[in-house]
N, C-alpha and C. Protein backbone atom coordinates (compact mmCIF):
# COMPACT_ATOMS: atom_id res chain seq x y z
N MET A 1 17.98 -2.41 -20.17
CA MET A 1 16.69 -3.07 -20.20
C MET A 1 16.60 -4.18 -19.17
N GLN A 2 17.76 -4.84 -18.94
CA GLN A 2 17.77 -5.93 -17.96
C GLN A 2 17.36 -5.42 -16.58
N ASP A 3 17.80 -4.21 -16.24
CA ASP A 3 17.45 -3.63 -14.95
C ASP A 3 15.93 -3.50 -14.80
N LEU A 4 15.26 -3.03 -15.85
CA LEU A 4 13.79 -2.92 -15.82
C LEU A 4 13.15 -4.29 -15.66
N ASN A 5 13.65 -5.27 -16.39
CA ASN A 5 13.11 -6.63 -16.27
C ASN A 5 13.26 -7.16 -14.86
N GLN A 6 14.41 -6.95 -14.28
CA GLN A 6 14.65 -7.42 -12.91
C GLN A 6 13.74 -6.71 -11.92
N ARG A 7 13.61 -5.40 -12.06
CA ARG A 7 12.73 -4.64 -11.16
C ARG A 7 11.29 -5.11 -11.31
N PHE A 8 10.85 -5.32 -12.55
CA PHE A 8 9.48 -5.78 -12.77
C PHE A 8 9.27 -7.15 -12.12
N GLU A 9 10.20 -8.07 -12.35
CA GLU A 9 10.07 -9.40 -11.77
C GLU A 9 10.05 -9.35 -10.25
N THR A 10 10.86 -8.48 -9.68
CA THR A 10 10.88 -8.32 -8.22
C THR A 10 9.53 -7.79 -7.73
N TYR A 11 9.04 -6.75 -8.37
CA TYR A 11 7.75 -6.18 -7.98
C TYR A 11 6.62 -7.19 -8.16
N TYR A 12 6.68 -7.91 -9.26
CA TYR A 12 5.63 -8.90 -9.53
C TYR A 12 5.62 -9.98 -8.44
N SER A 13 6.78 -10.54 -8.14
CA SER A 13 6.81 -11.62 -7.15
C SER A 13 6.48 -11.11 -5.75
N GLU A 14 6.91 -9.90 -5.45
CA GLU A 14 6.70 -9.35 -4.11
C GLU A 14 5.27 -8.86 -3.89
N TYR A 15 4.61 -8.34 -4.93
CA TYR A 15 3.32 -7.68 -4.74
C TYR A 15 2.15 -8.37 -5.45
N GLN A 16 2.37 -9.51 -6.06
CA GLN A 16 1.30 -10.20 -6.77
C GLN A 16 0.13 -10.53 -5.85
N ASP A 17 0.41 -11.06 -4.67
CA ASP A 17 -0.67 -11.42 -3.75
C ASP A 17 -1.46 -10.20 -3.29
N MET A 18 -0.76 -9.11 -3.03
CA MET A 18 -1.41 -7.88 -2.61
C MET A 18 -2.34 -7.36 -3.70
N VAL A 19 -1.84 -7.34 -4.94
CA VAL A 19 -2.65 -6.87 -6.07
C VAL A 19 -3.85 -7.80 -6.28
N TYR A 20 -3.62 -9.09 -6.19
CA TYR A 20 -4.71 -10.05 -6.36
C TYR A 20 -5.80 -9.84 -5.31
N SER A 21 -5.40 -9.66 -4.07
CA SER A 21 -6.35 -9.46 -2.98
C SER A 21 -7.18 -8.20 -3.20
N LEU A 22 -6.53 -7.12 -3.57
CA LEU A 22 -7.25 -5.87 -3.82
C LEU A 22 -8.21 -6.02 -4.99
N CYS A 23 -7.77 -6.64 -6.07
CA CYS A 23 -8.62 -6.83 -7.24
C CYS A 23 -9.80 -7.77 -6.93
N LEU A 24 -9.56 -8.78 -6.11
CA LEU A 24 -10.61 -9.72 -5.74
C LEU A 24 -11.73 -9.00 -5.00
N GLY A 25 -11.37 -8.17 -4.05
CA GLY A 25 -12.38 -7.41 -3.32
C GLY A 25 -13.08 -6.41 -4.22
N TYR A 26 -12.33 -5.81 -5.09
CA TYR A 26 -12.90 -4.81 -5.98
C TYR A 26 -13.84 -5.40 -7.01
N SER A 27 -13.55 -6.65 -7.41
CA SER A 27 -14.37 -7.29 -8.44
C SER A 27 -15.52 -8.09 -7.85
N ARG A 28 -15.75 -7.91 -6.55
CA ARG A 28 -16.85 -8.59 -5.86
C ARG A 28 -16.67 -10.10 -5.84
N GLY A 29 -15.44 -10.55 -5.88
CA GLY A 29 -15.17 -11.98 -5.81
C GLY A 29 -15.20 -12.71 -7.13
N ASP A 30 -15.40 -12.02 -8.23
CA ASP A 30 -15.44 -12.63 -9.55
C ASP A 30 -14.02 -13.00 -9.97
N GLN A 31 -13.72 -14.29 -10.02
CA GLN A 31 -12.36 -14.76 -10.29
C GLN A 31 -11.84 -14.35 -11.67
N ASP A 32 -12.69 -14.45 -12.69
CA ASP A 32 -12.25 -14.09 -14.04
C ASP A 32 -11.91 -12.60 -14.13
N LEU A 33 -12.79 -11.78 -13.57
CA LEU A 33 -12.53 -10.34 -13.58
C LEU A 33 -11.29 -10.02 -12.75
N THR A 34 -11.14 -10.70 -11.62
CA THR A 34 -9.96 -10.49 -10.78
C THR A 34 -8.69 -10.77 -11.57
N ASN A 35 -8.65 -11.89 -12.24
CA ASN A 35 -7.46 -12.24 -13.03
C ASN A 35 -7.19 -11.21 -14.12
N ASP A 36 -8.25 -10.74 -14.77
CA ASP A 36 -8.10 -9.70 -15.79
C ASP A 36 -7.52 -8.41 -15.20
N LEU A 37 -8.06 -8.01 -14.03
CA LEU A 37 -7.59 -6.78 -13.39
C LEU A 37 -6.14 -6.90 -12.92
N VAL A 38 -5.79 -8.07 -12.41
CA VAL A 38 -4.39 -8.29 -11.99
C VAL A 38 -3.47 -8.16 -13.19
N GLN A 39 -3.84 -8.82 -14.27
CA GLN A 39 -3.01 -8.77 -15.48
C GLN A 39 -2.91 -7.33 -16.00
N GLU A 40 -4.03 -6.63 -16.02
CA GLU A 40 -4.02 -5.26 -16.51
C GLU A 40 -3.19 -4.36 -15.59
N THR A 41 -3.27 -4.59 -14.29
CA THR A 41 -2.48 -3.81 -13.33
C THR A 41 -0.99 -3.98 -13.61
N PHE A 42 -0.56 -5.22 -13.82
CA PHE A 42 0.87 -5.44 -14.06
C PHE A 42 1.30 -4.96 -15.45
N MET A 43 0.39 -4.96 -16.41
CA MET A 43 0.72 -4.36 -17.71
C MET A 43 0.92 -2.84 -17.54
N ASN A 44 0.04 -2.22 -16.75
CA ASN A 44 0.16 -0.78 -16.49
C ASN A 44 1.43 -0.48 -15.69
N LEU A 45 1.78 -1.37 -14.77
CA LEU A 45 3.01 -1.20 -14.00
C LEU A 45 4.21 -1.25 -14.94
N TRP A 46 4.21 -2.22 -15.85
CA TRP A 46 5.32 -2.35 -16.80
C TRP A 46 5.49 -1.08 -17.63
N LYS A 47 4.36 -0.53 -18.09
CA LYS A 47 4.41 0.68 -18.90
C LYS A 47 4.93 1.88 -18.11
N ALA A 48 4.58 1.92 -16.82
CA ALA A 48 4.95 3.07 -15.99
C ALA A 48 6.32 2.92 -15.32
N LEU A 49 6.85 1.73 -15.32
CA LEU A 49 8.10 1.45 -14.60
C LEU A 49 9.27 2.37 -14.97
N PRO A 50 9.50 2.66 -16.25
CA PRO A 50 10.62 3.56 -16.57
C PRO A 50 10.47 4.96 -15.98
N LYS A 51 9.24 5.37 -15.67
CA LYS A 51 9.00 6.71 -15.15
C LYS A 51 8.96 6.75 -13.62
N PHE A 52 9.01 5.58 -12.98
CA PHE A 52 8.91 5.53 -11.51
C PHE A 52 10.16 6.14 -10.89
N GLU A 53 9.97 7.24 -10.16
CA GLU A 53 11.08 7.99 -9.58
C GLU A 53 11.32 7.66 -8.11
N GLU A 54 10.57 6.73 -7.58
CA GLU A 54 10.71 6.26 -6.20
C GLU A 54 10.54 7.37 -5.18
N ARG A 55 9.63 8.31 -5.46
CA ARG A 55 9.30 9.33 -4.46
C ARG A 55 8.42 8.74 -3.36
N SER A 56 7.69 7.70 -3.70
CA SER A 56 6.93 6.94 -2.71
C SER A 56 7.47 5.52 -2.72
N SER A 57 7.01 4.72 -1.79
CA SER A 57 7.48 3.33 -1.75
C SER A 57 6.91 2.57 -2.95
N PRO A 58 7.59 1.54 -3.40
CA PRO A 58 7.04 0.74 -4.50
C PRO A 58 5.65 0.19 -4.16
N LYS A 59 5.45 -0.18 -2.90
CA LYS A 59 4.15 -0.72 -2.49
C LYS A 59 3.04 0.31 -2.70
N THR A 60 3.26 1.53 -2.25
CA THR A 60 2.26 2.59 -2.42
C THR A 60 2.03 2.87 -3.90
N TRP A 61 3.09 2.92 -4.67
CA TRP A 61 2.99 3.18 -6.11
C TRP A 61 2.20 2.08 -6.80
N ILE A 62 2.45 0.82 -6.46
CA ILE A 62 1.75 -0.31 -7.07
C ILE A 62 0.29 -0.33 -6.64
N TYR A 63 0.02 -0.02 -5.38
CA TYR A 63 -1.38 0.10 -4.93
C TYR A 63 -2.10 1.14 -5.77
N ARG A 64 -1.45 2.28 -5.99
CA ARG A 64 -2.09 3.36 -6.74
C ARG A 64 -2.39 2.91 -8.18
N ILE A 65 -1.47 2.21 -8.80
CA ILE A 65 -1.70 1.68 -10.15
C ILE A 65 -2.88 0.72 -10.13
N CYS A 66 -2.92 -0.14 -9.13
CA CYS A 66 -4.00 -1.12 -9.02
C CYS A 66 -5.35 -0.42 -8.82
N VAL A 67 -5.39 0.54 -7.91
CA VAL A 67 -6.62 1.29 -7.65
C VAL A 67 -7.09 1.99 -8.92
N ASN A 68 -6.19 2.66 -9.60
CA ASN A 68 -6.55 3.35 -10.84
C ASN A 68 -7.04 2.38 -11.91
N THR A 69 -6.41 1.22 -12.00
CA THR A 69 -6.83 0.21 -12.97
C THR A 69 -8.25 -0.27 -12.67
N CYS A 70 -8.52 -0.53 -11.40
CA CYS A 70 -9.85 -1.00 -11.00
C CYS A 70 -10.91 0.08 -11.24
N LEU A 71 -10.61 1.32 -10.84
CA LEU A 71 -11.56 2.41 -11.04
C LEU A 71 -11.85 2.64 -12.52
N LEU A 72 -10.82 2.60 -13.34
CA LEU A 72 -11.00 2.80 -14.77
C LEU A 72 -11.88 1.69 -15.36
N HIS A 73 -11.64 0.47 -14.93
CA HIS A 73 -12.43 -0.65 -15.42
C HIS A 73 -13.91 -0.49 -15.05
N ILE A 74 -14.17 -0.12 -13.80
CA ILE A 74 -15.54 0.06 -13.34
C ILE A 74 -16.22 1.17 -14.13
N ARG A 75 -15.53 2.27 -14.33
CA ARG A 75 -16.13 3.40 -15.06
C ARG A 75 -16.42 3.03 -16.51
N LYS A 76 -15.50 2.29 -17.14
CA LYS A 76 -15.71 1.89 -18.53
C LYS A 76 -16.90 0.96 -18.67
N ASN A 77 -17.11 0.12 -17.69
CA ASN A 77 -18.12 -0.93 -17.80
C ASN A 77 -19.38 -0.66 -16.98
N LYS A 78 -19.53 0.52 -16.45
CA LYS A 78 -20.67 0.84 -15.60
C LYS A 78 -22.00 0.60 -16.32
N ASN A 79 -22.08 0.97 -17.58
CA ASN A 79 -23.33 0.84 -18.32
C ASN A 79 -23.43 -0.47 -19.09
N LYS A 80 -22.44 -1.32 -18.97
CA LYS A 80 -22.44 -2.58 -19.70
C LYS A 80 -22.85 -3.77 -18.85
N GLN A 81 -23.41 -3.51 -17.66
CA GLN A 81 -23.78 -4.60 -16.78
C GLN A 81 -24.85 -5.45 -17.43
N THR A 82 -24.71 -6.75 -17.25
CA THR A 82 -25.65 -7.68 -17.86
C THR A 82 -26.96 -7.66 -17.10
N ALA A 83 -28.05 -7.41 -17.80
CA ALA A 83 -29.36 -7.38 -17.18
C ALA A 83 -29.77 -8.79 -16.78
N GLY A 84 -30.36 -8.88 -15.60
CA GLY A 84 -30.89 -10.16 -15.14
C GLY A 84 -29.86 -11.09 -14.52
N LEU A 85 -28.62 -10.69 -14.43
CA LEU A 85 -27.61 -11.54 -13.83
C LEU A 85 -27.74 -11.44 -12.32
N ASP A 86 -28.02 -12.55 -11.69
CA ASP A 86 -28.18 -12.59 -10.25
C ASP A 86 -26.83 -12.33 -9.60
N GLN A 87 -26.81 -11.45 -8.61
CA GLN A 87 -25.55 -11.08 -7.97
C GLN A 87 -24.88 -12.29 -7.33
N GLU A 88 -25.66 -13.27 -6.90
CA GLU A 88 -25.07 -14.45 -6.29
C GLU A 88 -24.14 -15.18 -7.25
N HIS A 89 -24.35 -15.06 -8.54
CA HIS A 89 -23.55 -15.77 -9.52
C HIS A 89 -22.22 -15.09 -9.82
N THR A 90 -22.00 -13.92 -9.28
CA THR A 90 -20.74 -13.24 -9.55
C THR A 90 -19.62 -13.77 -8.67
N VAL A 91 -19.95 -14.55 -7.66
CA VAL A 91 -18.94 -15.12 -6.78
C VAL A 91 -18.79 -16.59 -7.09
N ILE A 92 -17.58 -17.05 -7.18
CA ILE A 92 -17.30 -18.45 -7.43
C ILE A 92 -17.46 -19.19 -6.11
N ALA A 93 -18.56 -19.90 -5.93
CA ALA A 93 -18.86 -20.52 -4.65
C ALA A 93 -18.08 -21.80 -4.43
N ASP A 94 -17.65 -22.47 -5.49
CA ASP A 94 -17.02 -23.76 -5.31
C ASP A 94 -15.50 -23.69 -5.33
N GLU A 95 -14.94 -22.53 -5.19
CA GLU A 95 -13.48 -22.42 -5.16
C GLU A 95 -12.96 -23.05 -3.88
N PRO A 96 -12.05 -24.00 -3.96
CA PRO A 96 -11.63 -24.74 -2.78
C PRO A 96 -10.95 -23.91 -1.69
N SER A 97 -10.23 -22.86 -2.05
CA SER A 97 -9.50 -22.10 -1.05
C SER A 97 -10.35 -21.01 -0.39
N THR A 98 -11.60 -20.90 -0.78
CA THR A 98 -12.44 -19.84 -0.28
C THR A 98 -13.62 -20.42 0.49
N ASP A 99 -13.83 -19.97 1.72
CA ASP A 99 -14.97 -20.47 2.46
C ASP A 99 -16.16 -19.53 2.34
N LYS A 100 -17.30 -19.94 2.91
CA LYS A 100 -18.54 -19.20 2.76
C LYS A 100 -18.44 -17.79 3.32
N ASN A 101 -17.86 -17.63 4.50
CA ASN A 101 -17.74 -16.30 5.12
C ASN A 101 -16.89 -15.36 4.28
N TYR A 102 -15.85 -15.90 3.69
CA TYR A 102 -14.96 -15.13 2.83
C TYR A 102 -15.74 -14.62 1.62
N ASN A 103 -16.52 -15.49 1.00
CA ASN A 103 -17.34 -15.10 -0.14
C ASN A 103 -18.37 -14.05 0.25
N GLU A 104 -19.00 -14.23 1.41
CA GLU A 104 -20.00 -13.26 1.86
C GLU A 104 -19.37 -11.89 2.11
N LEU A 105 -18.17 -11.89 2.68
CA LEU A 105 -17.49 -10.63 2.91
C LEU A 105 -17.20 -9.92 1.59
N TYR A 106 -16.67 -10.64 0.60
CA TYR A 106 -16.38 -10.02 -0.68
C TYR A 106 -17.65 -9.56 -1.39
N GLN A 107 -18.72 -10.30 -1.23
CA GLN A 107 -20.00 -9.86 -1.80
C GLN A 107 -20.45 -8.56 -1.15
N ALA A 108 -20.32 -8.50 0.18
CA ALA A 108 -20.73 -7.30 0.90
C ALA A 108 -19.84 -6.12 0.51
N ILE A 109 -18.54 -6.34 0.43
CA ILE A 109 -17.63 -5.27 0.01
C ILE A 109 -18.00 -4.80 -1.39
N GLY A 110 -18.40 -5.72 -2.24
CA GLY A 110 -18.78 -5.38 -3.61
C GLY A 110 -19.99 -4.49 -3.70
N GLN A 111 -20.77 -4.41 -2.64
CA GLN A 111 -21.96 -3.56 -2.63
C GLN A 111 -21.65 -2.12 -2.20
N LEU A 112 -20.43 -1.90 -1.75
CA LEU A 112 -20.04 -0.55 -1.34
C LEU A 112 -19.74 0.32 -2.56
N LYS A 113 -19.67 1.63 -2.33
CA LYS A 113 -19.27 2.55 -3.39
C LYS A 113 -17.82 2.25 -3.77
N GLU A 114 -17.44 2.68 -4.98
CA GLU A 114 -16.11 2.37 -5.52
C GLU A 114 -14.98 2.71 -4.56
N LEU A 115 -14.92 3.95 -4.10
CA LEU A 115 -13.82 4.38 -3.25
C LEU A 115 -13.86 3.63 -1.91
N ASP A 116 -15.05 3.39 -1.39
CA ASP A 116 -15.17 2.66 -0.13
C ASP A 116 -14.66 1.23 -0.27
N ARG A 117 -14.91 0.61 -1.41
CA ARG A 117 -14.38 -0.74 -1.66
C ARG A 117 -12.86 -0.75 -1.58
N ILE A 118 -12.27 0.21 -2.22
CA ILE A 118 -10.80 0.30 -2.23
C ILE A 118 -10.28 0.52 -0.82
N ILE A 119 -10.88 1.45 -0.12
CA ILE A 119 -10.43 1.77 1.24
C ILE A 119 -10.53 0.55 2.14
N ILE A 120 -11.64 -0.15 2.10
CA ILE A 120 -11.81 -1.34 2.96
C ILE A 120 -10.79 -2.41 2.60
N MET A 121 -10.51 -2.60 1.32
CA MET A 121 -9.52 -3.60 0.93
C MET A 121 -8.13 -3.21 1.44
N LEU A 122 -7.82 -1.93 1.43
CA LEU A 122 -6.54 -1.47 1.94
C LEU A 122 -6.46 -1.63 3.46
N VAL A 123 -7.59 -1.39 4.14
CA VAL A 123 -7.64 -1.60 5.59
C VAL A 123 -7.47 -3.08 5.90
N LEU A 124 -8.12 -3.95 5.12
CA LEU A 124 -7.97 -5.39 5.34
C LEU A 124 -6.54 -5.85 5.10
N ASP A 125 -5.83 -5.15 4.24
CA ASP A 125 -4.41 -5.45 4.02
C ASP A 125 -3.52 -4.84 5.11
N GLU A 126 -4.16 -4.20 6.09
CA GLU A 126 -3.49 -3.63 7.26
C GLU A 126 -2.46 -2.55 6.91
N LEU A 127 -2.79 -1.76 5.91
CA LEU A 127 -1.93 -0.63 5.58
C LEU A 127 -2.16 0.49 6.60
N PRO A 128 -1.12 1.25 6.93
CA PRO A 128 -1.30 2.40 7.83
C PRO A 128 -2.21 3.44 7.17
N TYR A 129 -2.96 4.15 8.00
CA TYR A 129 -3.90 5.14 7.47
C TYR A 129 -3.20 6.20 6.63
N ALA A 130 -1.99 6.59 7.01
CA ALA A 130 -1.26 7.59 6.23
C ALA A 130 -1.00 7.09 4.82
N GLU A 131 -0.68 5.83 4.69
CA GLU A 131 -0.42 5.25 3.37
C GLU A 131 -1.71 5.13 2.56
N ILE A 132 -2.80 4.74 3.22
CA ILE A 132 -4.10 4.65 2.53
C ILE A 132 -4.51 6.04 2.05
N ALA A 133 -4.30 7.04 2.88
CA ALA A 133 -4.64 8.41 2.49
C ALA A 133 -3.84 8.84 1.27
N GLU A 134 -2.56 8.49 1.25
CA GLU A 134 -1.72 8.84 0.10
C GLU A 134 -2.19 8.11 -1.17
N ILE A 135 -2.53 6.84 -1.03
CA ILE A 135 -2.96 6.05 -2.19
C ILE A 135 -4.27 6.58 -2.76
N THR A 136 -5.22 6.90 -1.87
CA THR A 136 -6.54 7.32 -2.32
C THR A 136 -6.63 8.81 -2.61
N GLY A 137 -5.66 9.57 -2.13
CA GLY A 137 -5.66 11.01 -2.40
C GLY A 137 -6.62 11.80 -1.52
N ILE A 138 -6.94 11.27 -0.33
CA ILE A 138 -7.80 12.00 0.59
C ILE A 138 -7.05 12.21 1.91
N THR A 139 -7.54 13.14 2.73
CA THR A 139 -6.88 13.41 4.00
C THR A 139 -7.12 12.27 4.98
N GLU A 140 -6.26 12.16 5.98
CA GLU A 140 -6.42 11.11 6.99
C GLU A 140 -7.72 11.28 7.76
N GLY A 141 -8.10 12.52 8.05
CA GLY A 141 -9.36 12.78 8.76
C GLY A 141 -10.55 12.28 7.96
N ASN A 142 -10.56 12.62 6.68
CA ASN A 142 -11.65 12.17 5.80
C ASN A 142 -11.61 10.65 5.67
N LEU A 143 -10.42 10.08 5.62
CA LEU A 143 -10.26 8.64 5.53
C LEU A 143 -10.90 7.94 6.72
N ARG A 144 -10.65 8.44 7.91
CA ARG A 144 -11.21 7.84 9.12
C ARG A 144 -12.74 7.85 9.09
N VAL A 145 -13.31 8.94 8.62
CA VAL A 145 -14.77 9.03 8.50
C VAL A 145 -15.27 8.01 7.48
N LYS A 146 -14.60 7.92 6.34
CA LYS A 146 -15.01 6.98 5.30
C LYS A 146 -14.91 5.53 5.78
N ILE A 147 -13.85 5.22 6.52
CA ILE A 147 -13.69 3.86 7.05
C ILE A 147 -14.81 3.53 8.02
N SER A 148 -15.10 4.46 8.90
CA SER A 148 -16.18 4.24 9.87
C SER A 148 -17.52 4.01 9.18
N ARG A 149 -17.82 4.84 8.21
CA ARG A 149 -19.10 4.70 7.48
C ARG A 149 -19.13 3.41 6.66
N ALA A 150 -18.02 3.05 6.06
CA ALA A 150 -17.97 1.81 5.26
C ALA A 150 -18.15 0.59 6.16
N LYS A 151 -17.55 0.62 7.35
CA LYS A 151 -17.72 -0.49 8.29
C LYS A 151 -19.18 -0.62 8.73
N GLN A 152 -19.82 0.52 8.99
CA GLN A 152 -21.24 0.50 9.37
C GLN A 152 -22.08 -0.08 8.24
N GLN A 153 -21.78 0.33 7.02
CA GLN A 153 -22.51 -0.18 5.85
C GLN A 153 -22.29 -1.69 5.69
N LEU A 154 -21.06 -2.13 5.87
CA LEU A 154 -20.77 -3.57 5.77
C LEU A 154 -21.53 -4.35 6.84
N ASN A 155 -21.57 -3.82 8.06
CA ASN A 155 -22.32 -4.50 9.12
C ASN A 155 -23.79 -4.63 8.75
N LYS A 156 -24.37 -3.57 8.21
CA LYS A 156 -25.78 -3.63 7.78
C LYS A 156 -25.98 -4.70 6.72
N ILE A 157 -25.10 -4.70 5.74
CA ILE A 157 -25.22 -5.67 4.63
C ILE A 157 -25.09 -7.10 5.15
N LEU A 158 -24.11 -7.33 6.00
CA LEU A 158 -23.86 -8.69 6.50
C LEU A 158 -24.96 -9.16 7.44
N LYS A 159 -25.54 -8.25 8.23
CA LYS A 159 -26.63 -8.62 9.13
C LYS A 159 -27.92 -8.92 8.38
N SER A 160 -28.08 -8.34 7.20
CA SER A 160 -29.31 -8.54 6.43
C SER A 160 -29.32 -9.88 5.70
N LYS A 161 -28.21 -10.61 5.73
CA LYS A 161 -28.13 -11.89 5.02
C LYS A 161 -28.67 -13.01 5.85
């Protein structure tokens, strides 16, 4: 059991920032939701750790757990959105470590389709396309098309502000 604890602690300390960044973009900058998703991701990692056979890198495996956690959360809560909640209020504007452009980017990313949000966050984390393709389960060719279209969509959103 000690081995599992050590592996978990290593993965947690090594990949916490990566998971947080992905969840932040996925949650449209909502800090509370981000923290919930990070916690849920690491709970799912803990549950899956005994079955991890290291066929892929730990980073790719943890990304996949995080992506699945975020997608599951969005699907569960798709119809539970609060009516009348202004989208501007989903971003914590007074967070000291976050500037206005950073918030605008996360807001814009939040307006993309689910898979596009994940892909853009992985691109922002500078993952190689082959690794992003493996994480998302799509071909590299399709990935390149999706990245191009997502970037165009982001440009439109950001220019309209």
